[in-house]
C-alpha atoms as a PDB file:
ATOM      1  CA  UNK A   1      49.829  25.555  36.937  1.00  0.00           C
ATOM      2  CA  UNK A   2      46.506  23.832  36.763  1.00  0.00           C
ATOM      3  CA  UNK A   3      43.168  25.379  37.665  1.00  0.00           C
ATOM      4  CA  UNK A   4      42.877  23.631  41.079  1.00  0.00           C
ATOM      5  CA  UNK A   5      46.275  24.874  42.243  1.00  0.00           C
ATOM      6  CA  UNK A   6      45.443  28.384  41.142  1.00  0.00           C
ATOM      7  CA  UNK A   7      42.216  28.407  43.168  1.00  0.00           C
ATOM      8  CA  UNK A   8      44.086  27.076  46.264  1.00  0.00           C
ATOM      9  CA  UNK A   9      46.679  29.870  46.081  1.00  0.00           C
ATOM     10  CA  UNK A  10      44.036  32.503  45.735  1.00  0.00           C
ATOM     11  CA  UNK A  11      42.168  31.119  48.734  1.00  0.00           C
ATOM     12  CA  UNK A  12      45.266  31.226  50.937  1.00  0.00           C
ATOM     13  CA  UNK A  13      45.918  34.837  49.994  1.00  0.00           C
ATOM     14  CA  UNK A  14      42.461  36.074  50.959  1.00  0.00           C
ATOM     15  CA  UNK A  15      41.113  37.309  54.352  1.00  0.00           C
ATOM     16  CA  UNK A  16      40.080  34.692  56.934  1.00  0.00           C
ATOM     17  CA  UNK A  17      36.666  36.084  57.826  1.00  0.00           C
ATOM     18  CA  UNK A  18      33.744  33.777  57.126  1.00  0.00           C
ATOM     19  CA  UNK A  19      31.827  36.386  55.089  1.00  0.00           C
ATOM     20  CA  UNK A  20      34.861  37.111  52.993  1.00  0.00           C
ATOM     21  CA  UNK A  21      35.566  33.437  52.468  1.00  0.00           C
ATOM     22  CA  UNK A  22      31.929  32.833  51.459  1.00  0.00           C
ATOM     23  CA  UNK A  23      31.988  35.640  48.880  1.00  0.00           C
ATOM     24  CA  UNK A  24      35.290  34.327  47.513  1.00  0.00           C
ATOM     25  CA  UNK A  25      33.948  30.816  47.225  1.00  0.00           C
ATOM     26  CA  UNK A  26      30.863  32.055  45.412  1.00  0.00           C
ATOM     27  CA  UNK A  27      32.972  34.115  43.043  1.00  0.00           C
ATOM     28  CA  UNK A  28      35.284  31.168  42.348  1.00  0.00           C
ATOM     29  CA  UNK A  29      32.357  28.806  41.845  1.00  0.00           C
ATOM     30  CA  UNK A  30      30.886  31.206  39.244  1.00  0.00           C
ATOM     31  CA  UNK A  31      34.253  31.357  37.506  1.00  0.00           C
ATOM     32  CA  UNK A  32      34.614  27.599  37.636  1.00  0.00           C
ATOM     33  CA  UNK A  33      31.144  27.061  36.089  1.00  0.00           C
ATOM     34  CA  UNK A  34      31.856  29.707  33.418  1.00  0.00           C
ATOM     35  CA  UNK A  35      35.176  28.047  32.588  1.00  0.00           C
ATOM     36  CA  UNK A  36      33.533  24.602  32.325  1.00  0.00           C
ATOM     37  CA  UNK A  37      30.819  26.038  30.013  1.00  0.00           C
ATOM     38  CA  UNK A  38      33.423  27.782  27.889  1.00  0.00           C
ATOM     39  CA  UNK A  39      35.396  24.551  27.566  1.00  0.00           C
ATOM     40  CA  UNK A  40      32.261  22.594  26.716  1.00  0.00           C
ATOM     41  CA  UNK A  41      31.257  24.915  23.854  1.00  0.00           C
ATOM     42  CA  UNK A  42      33.310  23.168  21.143  1.00  0.00           C
ATOM     43  CA  UNK A  43      31.868  19.776  22.163  1.00  0.00           C
ATOM     44  CA  UNK A  44      28.295  21.177  22.006  1.00  0.00           C
ATOM     45  CA  UNK A  45      28.917  22.727  18.637  1.00  0.00           C
ATOM     46  CA  UNK A  46      30.372  19.448  17.306  1.00  0.00           C
ATOM     47  CA  UNK A  47      27.350  17.516  18.594  1.00  0.00           C
ATOM     48  CA  UNK A  48      24.997  19.959  16.946  1.00  0.00           C
ATOM     49  CA  UNK A  49      26.820  19.682  13.625  1.00  0.00           C
ATOM     50  CA  UNK A  50      26.766  15.872  13.783  1.00  0.00           C
ATOM     51  CA  UNK A  51      23.071  15.683  14.618  1.00  0.00           C
ATOM     52  CA  UNK A  52      22.245  18.127  11.804  1.00  0.00           C
ATOM     53  CA  UNK A  53      24.285  16.101   9.320  1.00  0.00           C
ATOM     54  CA  UNK A  54      22.701  12.806  10.416  1.00  0.00           C
ATOM     55  CA  UNK A  55      19.107  14.134  10.493  1.00  0.00           C
ATOM     56  CA  UNK A  56      18.303  12.827   6.928  1.00  0.00           C
ATOM     57  CA  UNK A  57      19.450   9.351   8.037  1.00  0.00           C
ATOM     58  CA  UNK A  58      17.450   9.337  11.271  1.00  0.00           C
ATOM     59  CA  UNK A  59      14.145  10.434   9.775  1.00  0.00           C
ATOM     60  CA  UNK A  60      12.474   8.262   7.104  1.00  0.00           C
ATOM     61  CA  UNK A  61      12.421   9.777   3.605  1.00  0.00           C
ATOM     62  CA  UNK A  62       9.138  11.075   2.271  1.00  0.00           C
ATOM     63  CA  UNK A  63       8.677   8.807  -0.754  1.00  0.00           C
ATOM     64  CA  UNK A  64       5.622   9.043  -2.981  1.00  0.00           C
ATOM     65  CA  UNK A  65       4.334   5.478  -3.600  1.00  0.00           C
ATOM     66  CA  UNK A  66       4.116   4.099  -7.097  1.00  0.00           C
ATOM     67  CA  UNK A  67       0.566   3.797  -8.533  1.00  0.00           C
ATOM     68  CA  UNK A  68      -0.622   0.800 -10.610  1.00  0.00           C
ATOM     69  CA  UNK A  69      -3.635  -0.370 -12.462  1.00  0.00           C
ATOM     70  CA  UNK A  70      -4.219  -3.526 -14.556  1.00  0.00           C
ATOM     71  CA  UNK A  71      -3.097  -1.973 -17.836  1.00  0.00           C
ATOM     72  CA  UNK A  72      -4.800  -2.569 -21.184  1.00  0.00           C
ATOM     73  CA  UNK A  73      -4.616  -6.349 -21.167  1.00  0.00           C
ATOM     74  CA  UNK A  74      -2.220  -8.668 -22.835  1.00  0.00           C
ATOM     75  CA  UNK A  75      -4.340 -11.685 -23.672  1.00  0.00           C
ATOM     76  CA  UNK A  76      -6.942 -12.196 -26.352  1.00  0.00           C
ATOM     77  CA  UNK A  77     -10.400 -12.472 -24.832  1.00  0.00           C
ATOM     78  CA  UNK A  78     -12.298 -15.427 -26.262  1.00  0.00           C
ATOM     79  CA  UNK A  79     -15.196 -14.112 -28.277  1.00  0.00           C
ATOM     80  CA  UNK A  80     -18.674 -15.481 -27.788  1.00  0.00           C
ATOM     81  CA  UNK A  81     -20.647 -16.786 -30.798  1.00  0.00           C
ATOM     82  CA  UNK A  82     -21.928 -14.217 -33.273  1.00  0.00           C
ATOM     83  CA  UNK A  83     -25.543 -14.558 -32.123  1.00  0.00           C
ATOM     84  CA  UNK A  84     -24.674 -13.241 -28.738  1.00  0.00           C
ATOM     85  CA  UNK A  85     -21.604 -11.065 -29.133  1.00  0.00           C
ATOM     86  CA  UNK A  86     -23.778  -8.193 -30.435  1.00  0.00           C
ATOM     87  CA  UNK A  87     -25.778  -8.179 -27.188  1.00  0.00           C
ATOM     88  CA  UNK A  88     -24.032  -6.103 -24.549  1.00  0.00           C
ATOM     89  CA  UNK A  89     -23.269  -7.400 -21.090  1.00  0.00           C
ATOM     90  CA  UNK A  90     -24.427  -5.133 -18.345  1.00  0.00           C
ATOM     91  CA  UNK A  91     -22.714  -5.733 -15.033  1.00  0.00           C
ATOM     92  CA  UNK A  92     -22.307  -4.153 -11.649  1.00  0.00           C
ATOM     93  CA  UNK A  93     -19.250  -4.737  -9.542  1.00  0.00           C
ATOM     94  CA  UNK A  94     -19.037  -4.181  -5.848  1.00  0.00           C
ATOM     95  CA  UNK A  95     -16.394  -5.260  -3.356  1.00  0.00           C
ATOM     96  CA  UNK A  96     -16.175  -6.574   0.182  1.00  0.00           C
ATOM     97  CA  UNK A  97     -15.616  -3.754   2.728  1.00  0.00           C
ATOM     98  CA  UNK A  98     -12.018  -4.922   3.369  1.00  0.00           C
ATOM     99  CA  UNK A  99     -11.168  -4.155  -0.270  1.00  0.00           C
ATOM    100  CA  UNK A 100     -12.458  -0.572  -0.129  1.00  0.00           C
ATOM    101  CA  UNK A 101      -8.892   0.825  -0.159  1.00  0.00           C
ATOM    102  CA  UNK A 102      -6.058   1.511  -2.629  1.00  0.00           C
ATOM    103  CA  UNK A 103      -3.613  -0.587  -0.583  1.00  0.00           C
ATOM    104  CA  UNK A 104      -1.862  -3.418  -2.366  1.00  0.00           C
ATOM    105  CA  UNK A 105      -2.459  -6.491  -0.211  1.00  0.00           C
ATOM    106  CA  UNK A 106      -0.328  -9.619   0.065  1.00  0.00           C
ATOM    107  CA  UNK A 107       0.034 -12.659   2.325  1.00  0.00           C
ATOM    108  CA  UNK A 108       3.023 -14.753   3.301  1.00  0.00           C
ATOM    109  CA  UNK A 109       1.283 -18.137   3.284  1.00  0.00           C
ATOM    110  CA  UNK A 110       4.596 -19.887   4.156  1.00  0.00           C
ATOM    111  CA  UNK A 111       4.901 -17.828   7.348  1.00  0.00           C
ATOM    112  CA  UNK A 112       1.405 -16.830   8.544  1.00  0.00           C
ATOM    113  CA  UNK A 113      -1.521 -17.253   6.089  1.00  0.00           C
ATOM    114  CA  UNK A 114      -3.872 -15.378   8.445  1.00  0.00           C
ATOM    115  CA  UNK A 115      -1.888 -12.093   8.339  1.00  0.00           C
ATOM    116  CA  UNK A 116      -2.770  -9.569   5.621  1.00  0.00           C
ATOM    117  CA  UNK A 117       0.076  -7.193   4.750  1.00  0.00           C
ATOM    118  CA  UNK A 118       0.369  -4.089   2.544  1.00  0.00           C
ATOM    119  CA  UNK A 119       3.122  -2.744   0.345  1.00  0.00           C
ATOM    120  CA  UNK A 120       4.328   0.589   1.714  1.00  0.00           C
ATOM    121  CA  UNK A 121       5.716   2.015  -1.496  1.00  0.00           C
ATOM    122  CA  UNK A 122       3.131   0.727  -3.971  1.00  0.00           C
ATOM    123  CA  UNK A 123      -0.589   1.493  -4.252  1.00  0.00           C
ATOM    124  CA  UNK A 124      -3.429   0.873  -6.653  1.00  0.00           C
ATOM    125  CA  UNK A 125      -4.589   3.809  -8.723  1.00  0.00           C
ATOM    126  CA  UNK A 126      -8.055   3.296  -7.205  1.00  0.00           C
ATOM    127  CA  UNK A 127      -9.834   0.644  -5.190  1.00  0.00           C
ATOM    128  CA  UNK A 128      -9.572  -2.921  -6.516  1.00  0.00           C
ATOM    129  CA  UNK A 129     -13.252  -2.899  -7.549  1.00  0.00           C
ATOM    130  CA  UNK A 130     -12.767   0.374  -9.449  1.00  0.00           C
ATOM    131  CA  UNK A 131      -9.749  -0.753 -11.434  1.00  0.00           C
ATOM    132  CA  UNK A 132     -11.196  -4.252 -12.106  1.00  0.00           C
ATOM    133  CA  UNK A 133     -14.512  -2.780 -13.265  1.00  0.00           C
ATOM    134  CA  UNK A 134     -12.613  -0.402 -15.581  1.00  0.00           C
ATOM    135  CA  UNK A 135     -10.602  -3.359 -16.908  1.00  0.00           C
ATOM    136  CA  UNK A 136     -13.632  -5.586 -17.525  1.00  0.00           C
ATOM    137  CA  UNK A 137     -15.501  -2.766 -19.335  1.00  0.00           C
ATOM    138  CA  UNK A 138     -12.690  -2.673 -21.853  1.00  0.00           C
ATOM    139  CA  UNK A 139     -12.977  -6.464 -22.410  1.00  0.00           C
ATOM    140  CA  UNK A 140     -16.716  -6.990 -22.303  1.00  0.00           C
ATOM    141  CA  UNK A 141     -19.399  -5.447 -24.566  1.00  0.00           C
ATOM    142  CA  UNK A 142     -20.576  -3.010 -21.913  1.00  0.00           C
ATOM    143  CA  UNK A 143     -23.453  -0.636 -22.745  1.00  0.00           C
ATOM    144  CA  UNK A 144     -22.807   3.044 -22.114  1.00  0.00           C
ATOM    145  CA  UNK A 145     -26.248   4.297 -21.047  1.00  0.00           C
ATOM    146  CA  UNK A 146     -27.930   2.720 -18.068  1.00  0.00           C
ATOM    147  CA  UNK A 147     -31.419   3.566 -19.310  1.00  0.00           C
ATOM    148  CA  UNK A 148     -30.861   1.068 -22.159  1.00  0.00           C
ATOM    149  CA  UNK A 149     -30.301  -1.844 -19.794  1.00  0.00           C
ATOM    150  CA  UNK A 150     -33.871  -2.565 -18.703  1.00  0.00           C
ATOM    151  CA  UNK A 151     -34.266  -5.510 -21.042  1.00  0.00           C
ATOM    152  CA  UNK A 152     -30.684  -6.852 -20.810  1.00  0.00           C
ATOM    153  CA  UNK A 153     -29.339  -9.706 -18.722  1.00  0.00           C
ATOM    154  CA  UNK A 154     -27.061  -8.527 -16.020  1.00  0.00           C
ATOM    155  CA  UNK A 155     -24.072  -9.896 -14.126  1.00  0.00           C
ATOM    156  CA  UNK A 156     -23.999  -8.911 -10.502  1.00  0.00           C
ATOM    157  CA  UNK A 157     -20.335  -9.271  -9.463  1.00  0.00           C
ATOM    158  CA  UNK A 158     -19.033  -9.186  -5.921  1.00  0.00           C
ATOM    159  CA  UNK A 159     -15.226  -9.005  -5.519  1.00  0.00           C
ATOM    160  CA  UNK A 160     -14.230 -11.179  -2.559  1.00  0.00           C
ATOM    161  CA  UNK A 161     -10.462 -11.395  -2.922  1.00  0.00           C
ATOM    162  CA  UNK A 162      -7.851  -9.455  -4.834  1.00  0.00           C
ATOM    163  CA  UNK A 163      -4.315  -9.979  -3.596  1.00  0.00           C
ATOM    164  CA  UNK A 164      -0.896 -11.460  -3.998  1.00  0.00           C
ATOM    165  CA  UNK A 165      -0.133 -14.674  -2.089  1.00  0.00           C
ATOM    166  CA  UNK A 166       3.457 -15.844  -1.465  1.00  0.00           C
ATOM    167  CA  UNK A 167       3.938 -19.613  -1.198  1.00  0.00           C
ATOM    168  CA  UNK A 168       7.690 -19.117  -0.586  1.00  0.00           C
ATOM    169  CA  UNK A 169      10.123 -16.233  -0.479  1.00  0.00           C
ATOM    170  CA  UNK A 170      10.548 -16.319  -4.291  1.00  0.00           C
ATOM    171  CA  UNK A 171       7.183 -17.647  -5.538  1.00  0.00           C
ATOM    172  CA  UNK A 172       3.802 -15.939  -5.427  1.00  0.00           C
ATOM    173  CA  UNK A 173       0.441 -15.772  -7.234  1.00  0.00           C
ATOM    174  CA  UNK A 174      -2.155 -13.199  -7.957  1.00  0.00           C
ATOM    175  CA  UNK A 175      -5.592 -14.330  -6.826  1.00  0.00           C
ATOM    176  CA  UNK A 176      -9.006 -12.908  -7.825  1.00  0.00           C
ATOM    177  CA  UNK A 177     -12.259 -14.359  -6.363  1.00  0.00           C
ATOM    178  CA  UNK A 178     -15.552 -13.092  -7.649  1.00  0.00           C
ATOM    179  CA  UNK A 179     -19.069 -14.264  -6.878  1.00  0.00           C
ATOM    180  CA  UNK A 180     -21.264 -13.735  -9.950  1.00  0.00           C
ATOM    181  CA  UNK A 181     -25.024 -13.914 -10.538  1.00  0.00           C
ATOM    182  CA  UNK A 182     -26.516 -13.813 -14.036  1.00  0.00           C
ATOM    183  CA  UNK A 183     -30.031 -12.323 -13.899  1.00  0.00           C
ATOM    184  CA  UNK A 184     -32.676 -11.821 -16.528  1.00  0.00           C
ATOM    185  CA  UNK A 185     -35.541  -9.290 -16.302  1.00  0.00           C
ATOM    186  CA  UNK A 186     -38.792 -10.928 -15.323  1.00  0.00           C
ATOM    187  CA  UNK A 187     -37.074 -14.323 -14.737  1.00  0.00           C
ATOM    188  CA  UNK A 188     -34.611 -13.742 -11.936  1.00  0.00           C
ATOM    189  CA  UNK A 189     -31.374 -15.563 -11.405  1.00  0.00           C
ATOM    190  CA  UNK A 190     -30.372 -17.692 -14.394  1.00  0.00           C
ATOM    191  CA  UNK A 191     -26.992 -18.730 -13.209  1.00  0.00           C
ATOM    192  CA  UNK A 192     -24.719 -18.243 -10.165  1.00  0.00           C
ATOM    193  CA  UNK A 193     -21.096 -19.055  -9.883  1.00  0.00           C
ATOM    194  CA  UNK A 194     -17.994 -18.381  -7.854  1.00  0.00           C
ATOM    195  CA  UNK A 195     -14.973 -17.576 -10.103  1.00  0.00           C
ATOM    196  CA  UNK A 196     -11.476 -18.144  -8.664  1.00  0.00           C
ATOM    197  CA  UNK A 197      -8.680 -17.078 -10.986  1.00  0.00           C
ATOM    198  CA  UNK A 198      -4.931 -17.368 -10.263  1.00  0.00           C
ATOM    199  CA  UNK A 199      -1.779 -16.510 -12.148  1.00  0.00           C
ATOM    200  CA  UNK A 200       1.903 -16.824 -11.229  1.00  0.00           C
ATOM    201  CA  UNK A 201       3.839 -13.652 -10.563  1.00  0.00           C
ATOM    202  CA  UNK A 202       7.068 -13.281 -12.600  1.00  0.00           C
ATOM    203  CA  UNK A 203       8.898 -11.521  -9.770  1.00  0.00           C
ATOM    204  CA  UNK A 204       8.500 -11.673  -5.950  1.00  0.00           C
ATOM    205  CA  UNK A 205       7.513  -8.031  -5.511  1.00  0.00           C
ATOM    206  CA  UNK A 206       4.651  -5.572  -6.020  1.00  0.00           C
ATOM    207  CA  UNK A 207       5.296  -5.285  -9.767  1.00  0.00           C
ATOM    208  CA  UNK A 208       5.113  -9.050 -10.136  1.00  0.00           C
ATOM    209  CA  UNK A 209       1.864  -9.092  -8.197  1.00  0.00           C
ATOM    210  CA  UNK A 210       0.345  -6.499 -10.540  1.00  0.00           C
ATOM    211  CA  UNK A 211       1.209  -8.555 -13.612  1.00  0.00           C
ATOM    212  CA  UNK A 212      -0.185 -11.706 -12.051  1.00  0.00           C
ATOM    213  CA  UNK A 213      -3.452  -9.983 -11.112  1.00  0.00           C
ATOM    214  CA  UNK A 214      -3.737  -8.532 -14.651  1.00  0.00           C
ATOM    215  CA  UNK A 215      -3.482 -12.073 -16.090  1.00  0.00           C
ATOM    216  CA  UNK A 216      -6.083 -13.336 -13.686  1.00  0.00           C
ATOM    217  CA  UNK A 217      -8.359 -10.409 -14.732  1.00  0.00           C
ATOM    218  CA  UNK A 218      -7.876 -11.471 -18.372  1.00  0.00           C
ATOM    219  CA  UNK A 219      -9.054 -14.984 -17.520  1.00  0.00           C
ATOM    220  CA  UNK A 220     -12.002 -13.659 -15.556  1.00  0.00           C
ATOM    221  CA  UNK A 221     -13.111 -11.653 -18.628  1.00  0.00           C
ATOM    222  CA  UNK A 222     -12.818 -14.770 -20.788  1.00  0.00           C
ATOM    223  CA  UNK A 223     -14.900 -16.874 -18.417  1.00  0.00           C
ATOM    224  CA  UNK A 224     -17.576 -14.218 -18.091  1.00  0.00           C
ATOM    225  CA  UNK A 225     -17.822 -13.997 -21.871  1.00  0.00           C
ATOM    226  CA  UNK A 226     -18.042 -17.747 -22.222  1.00  0.00           C
ATOM    227  CA  UNK A 227     -20.641 -18.046 -19.449  1.00  0.00           C
ATOM    228  CA  UNK A 228     -22.720 -15.326 -21.024  1.00  0.00           C
ATOM    229  CA  UNK A 229     -22.634 -17.038 -24.436  1.00  0.00           C
ATOM    230  CA  UNK A 230     -23.429 -20.489 -22.942  1.00  0.00           C
ATOM    231  CA  UNK A 231     -26.589 -19.175 -21.309  1.00  0.00           C
ATOM    232  CA  UNK A 232     -27.708 -17.437 -24.527  1.00  0.00           C
ATOM    233  CA  UNK A 233     -28.959 -14.547 -22.490  1.00  0.00           C
ATOM    234  CA  UNK A 234     -30.132 -11.402 -24.255  1.00  0.00           C
ATOM    235  CA  UNK A 235     -33.167  -9.499 -25.386  1.00  0.00           C
END
């Protein structure tokens, strides 16, 4: 006997008064709702179990991004002549406001060269200007104490671009653009130049971009050394 037939039989066996019938209907309604809820419990429990099991798949994992710098350098920096290599190069490096972040920037030139993108799982260990300045200090004869720099020529460097640029899905380059001024105390600007250095990335990913930018930084150090020696600047 199904539930509906049972309810019909009970109704026929009860008094005919309207108040009695109303009370009976209310009682049967409550029983019907309770029965439905009881039958629905296994489905609710199953749904809860499935949602709990799938929660790690629905929410993104909390992954700590990898941190990179330019390393210790892999290329020999061309030394300046003996007469000038003993004179330290004092330089100051600042960056454009857009580069005041640890984000690793890249562009898909083959798709939209105006759109700047960032790697989500890879970051620089500092801002581009910080890691590039640290790198150049290890490649240039940089004085330690600033109070010794009053009579020295100085490079004022402004970092304009520091990013990986994809020319296709598989090919990319690291690009560094720096505007440099060579200044001498009491004389002013001796030389001014825009340096643009590029290097091919070995792999089309963040790691490849780091290696390409490290090679470009090597070449920047070489050109700064050569430019310094050519001017014969020093005290």
